[in-house]
Structures are given as C-alpha cells and as structure tokens.
N, C-alpha and C. Protein backbone atom coordinates (compact mmCIF):
# COMPACT_ATOMS: atom_id res chain seq x y z
N MET A 1 35.16 20.62 -21.77
CA MET A 1 34.52 19.32 -21.63
C MET A 1 34.47 18.92 -20.16
N VAL A 2 33.58 18.04 -19.88
CA VAL A 2 33.42 17.55 -18.52
C VAL A 2 34.19 16.24 -18.38
N GLU A 3 34.99 16.18 -17.33
CA GLU A 3 35.76 14.97 -17.08
C GLU A 3 34.91 13.96 -16.30
N PRO A 4 35.25 12.69 -16.38
CA PRO A 4 34.52 11.69 -15.61
C PRO A 4 34.71 11.90 -14.11
N MET A 5 33.75 11.42 -13.35
CA MET A 5 33.84 11.54 -11.89
C MET A 5 34.98 10.69 -11.37
N SER A 6 35.62 11.20 -10.34
CA SER A 6 36.66 10.41 -9.69
C SER A 6 36.01 9.38 -8.78
N ARG A 7 36.79 8.43 -8.36
CA ARG A 7 36.29 7.38 -7.46
C ARG A 7 35.79 7.98 -6.15
N GLU A 8 36.49 9.00 -5.64
CA GLU A 8 36.10 9.64 -4.39
C GLU A 8 34.76 10.36 -4.53
N GLU A 9 34.56 11.04 -5.66
CA GLU A 9 33.30 11.74 -5.89
C GLU A 9 32.14 10.75 -6.01
N ARG A 10 32.39 9.66 -6.68
CA ARG A 10 31.35 8.64 -6.83
C ARG A 10 31.00 8.01 -5.49
N ASP A 11 32.01 7.71 -4.68
CA ASP A 11 31.76 7.13 -3.36
C ASP A 11 31.00 8.10 -2.47
N ALA A 12 31.36 9.39 -2.52
CA ALA A 12 30.66 10.39 -1.72
C ALA A 12 29.20 10.51 -2.16
N GLY A 13 28.96 10.50 -3.45
CA GLY A 13 27.59 10.56 -3.95
C GLY A 13 26.78 9.34 -3.55
N ASN A 14 27.39 8.16 -3.66
CA ASN A 14 26.70 6.93 -3.26
C ASN A 14 26.37 6.94 -1.78
N ARG A 15 27.30 7.45 -0.97
CA ARG A 15 27.08 7.52 0.47
C ARG A 15 25.90 8.44 0.79
N LYS A 16 25.82 9.57 0.10
CA LYS A 16 24.71 10.51 0.32
C LYS A 16 23.37 9.88 -0.07
N VAL A 17 23.35 9.15 -1.16
CA VAL A 17 22.11 8.49 -1.59
C VAL A 17 21.70 7.44 -0.56
N LYS A 18 22.66 6.67 -0.06
CA LYS A 18 22.35 5.65 0.94
C LYS A 18 21.80 6.26 2.22
N VAL A 19 22.43 7.34 2.70
CA VAL A 19 21.97 8.00 3.92
C VAL A 19 20.58 8.60 3.71
N GLY A 20 20.36 9.23 2.57
CA GLY A 20 19.05 9.80 2.28
C GLY A 20 17.97 8.73 2.22
N PHE A 21 18.26 7.62 1.58
CA PHE A 21 17.30 6.52 1.50
C PHE A 21 17.02 5.95 2.88
N LEU A 22 18.07 5.78 3.69
CA LEU A 22 17.90 5.26 5.04
C LEU A 22 17.04 6.20 5.88
N LEU A 23 17.27 7.50 5.78
CA LEU A 23 16.45 8.46 6.53
C LEU A 23 15.00 8.43 6.09
N LEU A 24 14.77 8.34 4.79
CA LEU A 24 13.40 8.30 4.28
C LEU A 24 12.66 7.07 4.80
N VAL A 25 13.30 5.92 4.74
CA VAL A 25 12.65 4.68 5.19
C VAL A 25 12.49 4.69 6.71
N THR A 26 13.44 5.27 7.45
CA THR A 26 13.36 5.31 8.91
C THR A 26 12.24 6.21 9.38
N VAL A 27 12.01 7.33 8.72
CA VAL A 27 11.03 8.31 9.17
C VAL A 27 9.61 7.94 8.75
N SER A 28 9.44 7.15 7.73
CA SER A 28 8.10 6.84 7.22
C SER A 28 7.20 6.12 8.23
N PRO A 29 7.63 5.02 8.87
CA PRO A 29 6.72 4.34 9.81
C PRO A 29 6.25 5.21 10.98
N PRO A 30 7.13 6.00 11.63
CA PRO A 30 6.61 6.84 12.71
C PRO A 30 5.61 7.89 12.23
N LEU A 31 5.82 8.42 11.04
CA LEU A 31 4.87 9.40 10.52
C LEU A 31 3.51 8.77 10.25
N ILE A 32 3.52 7.56 9.74
CA ILE A 32 2.25 6.86 9.52
C ILE A 32 1.61 6.51 10.86
N THR A 33 2.42 6.15 11.85
CA THR A 33 1.91 5.81 13.17
C THR A 33 1.26 7.02 13.83
N LEU A 34 1.73 8.22 13.55
CA LEU A 34 1.16 9.43 14.14
C LEU A 34 -0.31 9.63 13.76
N LEU A 35 -0.76 9.00 12.70
CA LEU A 35 -2.16 9.11 12.30
C LEU A 35 -3.09 8.42 13.29
N GLY A 36 -2.56 7.50 14.10
CA GLY A 36 -3.40 6.74 15.02
C GLY A 36 -3.23 7.11 16.48
N ASP A 37 -2.69 8.28 16.81
CA ASP A 37 -2.48 8.73 18.19
C ASP A 37 -1.69 7.71 19.01
N PRO A 38 -0.43 7.47 18.65
CA PRO A 38 0.36 6.42 19.31
C PRO A 38 0.94 6.87 20.65
N THR A 39 1.36 5.89 21.43
CA THR A 39 2.11 6.16 22.65
C THR A 39 3.58 6.37 22.26
N PRO A 40 4.37 6.95 23.17
CA PRO A 40 5.81 7.10 22.86
C PRO A 40 6.50 5.76 22.58
N ALA A 41 6.08 4.72 23.27
CA ALA A 41 6.68 3.40 23.03
C ALA A 41 6.37 2.91 21.61
N GLN A 42 5.16 3.14 21.17
CA GLN A 42 4.79 2.73 19.81
C GLN A 42 5.57 3.52 18.76
N LEU A 43 5.79 4.80 19.03
CA LEU A 43 6.61 5.60 18.12
C LEU A 43 8.04 5.09 18.07
N ALA A 44 8.57 4.72 19.24
CA ALA A 44 9.94 4.20 19.30
C ALA A 44 10.06 2.89 18.53
N VAL A 45 9.07 2.02 18.69
CA VAL A 45 9.09 0.74 17.97
C VAL A 45 8.98 0.98 16.46
N ALA A 46 8.13 1.90 16.06
CA ALA A 46 7.98 2.21 14.63
C ALA A 46 9.28 2.78 14.07
N THR A 47 9.93 3.64 14.84
CA THR A 47 11.20 4.22 14.38
C THR A 47 12.28 3.15 14.28
N GLY A 48 12.38 2.30 15.30
CA GLY A 48 13.37 1.22 15.27
C GLY A 48 13.12 0.24 14.13
N GLY A 49 11.86 -0.10 13.93
CA GLY A 49 11.52 -1.00 12.83
C GLY A 49 11.83 -0.38 11.48
N GLY A 50 11.54 0.91 11.33
CA GLY A 50 11.87 1.60 10.09
C GLY A 50 13.37 1.65 9.84
N PHE A 51 14.14 1.86 10.92
CA PHE A 51 15.59 1.91 10.79
C PHE A 51 16.13 0.55 10.37
N LEU A 52 15.64 -0.52 11.00
CA LEU A 52 16.10 -1.86 10.62
C LEU A 52 15.71 -2.20 9.19
N LEU A 53 14.50 -1.85 8.82
CA LEU A 53 14.06 -2.08 7.44
C LEU A 53 14.92 -1.28 6.46
N GLY A 54 15.23 -0.04 6.82
CA GLY A 54 16.08 0.79 5.98
C GLY A 54 17.46 0.21 5.80
N LEU A 55 18.05 -0.28 6.90
CA LEU A 55 19.37 -0.91 6.81
C LEU A 55 19.33 -2.13 5.89
N LEU A 56 18.30 -2.93 6.04
CA LEU A 56 18.16 -4.12 5.21
C LEU A 56 18.02 -3.74 3.73
N LEU A 57 17.21 -2.74 3.44
CA LEU A 57 17.03 -2.33 2.05
C LEU A 57 18.29 -1.72 1.46
N VAL A 58 19.01 -0.90 2.24
CA VAL A 58 20.25 -0.32 1.74
C VAL A 58 21.28 -1.41 1.47
N TRP A 59 21.37 -2.37 2.36
CA TRP A 59 22.30 -3.50 2.16
C TRP A 59 21.93 -4.27 0.89
N TYR A 60 20.65 -4.59 0.74
CA TYR A 60 20.21 -5.36 -0.42
C TYR A 60 20.45 -4.59 -1.72
N LEU A 61 20.08 -3.32 -1.74
CA LEU A 61 20.26 -2.54 -2.96
C LEU A 61 21.73 -2.32 -3.27
N SER A 62 22.57 -2.23 -2.25
CA SER A 62 24.02 -2.11 -2.49
C SER A 62 24.57 -3.37 -3.14
N ARG A 63 24.13 -4.52 -2.64
CA ARG A 63 24.57 -5.78 -3.25
C ARG A 63 24.06 -5.90 -4.68
N LEU A 64 22.82 -5.51 -4.88
CA LEU A 64 22.24 -5.59 -6.21
C LEU A 64 22.97 -4.65 -7.18
N ALA A 65 23.27 -3.45 -6.73
CA ALA A 65 23.97 -2.48 -7.58
C ALA A 65 25.39 -2.93 -7.88
N SER A 66 26.02 -3.62 -6.95
CA SER A 66 27.41 -4.05 -7.18
C SER A 66 27.50 -5.09 -8.30
N GLU A 67 26.41 -5.76 -8.61
CA GLU A 67 26.41 -6.71 -9.71
C GLU A 67 26.52 -6.01 -11.06
N PHE A 68 26.16 -4.73 -11.11
CA PHE A 68 26.15 -4.00 -12.37
C PHE A 68 27.36 -3.09 -12.52
N THR A 69 28.27 -3.13 -11.58
CA THR A 69 29.47 -2.29 -11.66
C THR A 69 30.69 -3.17 -11.83
N ASP A 70 31.79 -2.56 -12.15
CA ASP A 70 33.04 -3.30 -12.31
C ASP A 70 33.88 -3.24 -11.05
N GLY A 71 33.24 -3.08 -9.90
CA GLY A 71 33.97 -2.97 -8.65
C GLY A 71 34.60 -4.29 -8.24
N SER A 72 35.47 -4.21 -7.25
CA SER A 72 36.17 -5.41 -6.79
C SER A 72 35.25 -6.33 -5.99
N ARG A 73 34.08 -5.82 -5.58
CA ARG A 73 33.15 -6.64 -4.79
C ARG A 73 32.09 -7.29 -5.67
N ARG A 74 32.34 -7.37 -6.94
CA ARG A 74 31.35 -7.90 -7.87
C ARG A 74 31.01 -9.35 -7.57
N LEU A 75 29.72 -9.65 -7.52
CA LEU A 75 29.26 -11.02 -7.27
C LEU A 75 29.28 -11.81 -8.57
N ARG A 76 29.59 -13.06 -8.48
CA ARG A 76 29.61 -13.90 -9.69
C ARG A 76 28.68 -15.07 -9.53
C-alpha cells in the first residue's frame, strides 16, 4: 500500500509548483514582447513586470489555498 505523503514531501512539492508557476508568469511577458522587436530596456521592464505579477499571483494563490487546508496559517 501507499502511505500518505509526509509534511516535508508536501512542502517540497508545493515549493516546486510555486517556483514553476513563478517562472512561467515571469517568462511570458518578455516572450510576448519579442514579437514587437523590443529594446533591451523594454525586455527588462517586461521581465520585471512579469516577475512582480508572478510574485503577486503566487502570494494570492497561497493564501487562497491555505483556506482549504488544515494548516496553522488558516484564515478565518
């Protein structure tokens, strides 16, 4: 039989999902910007904006997910 995941395994998996989501959101704006022949400054701004948006989304989704778990950070 398969045993339930340990807390460490769950945390490691959640961390990987968060990093993957952050990378996906960070890389998307510069790739879209490349369609319009951007300057390096425009690429940097698109990357920075994507990173900030990614951080905001990861933070929001983490808070939202914590409402559905029995963790100690549960919102009431």
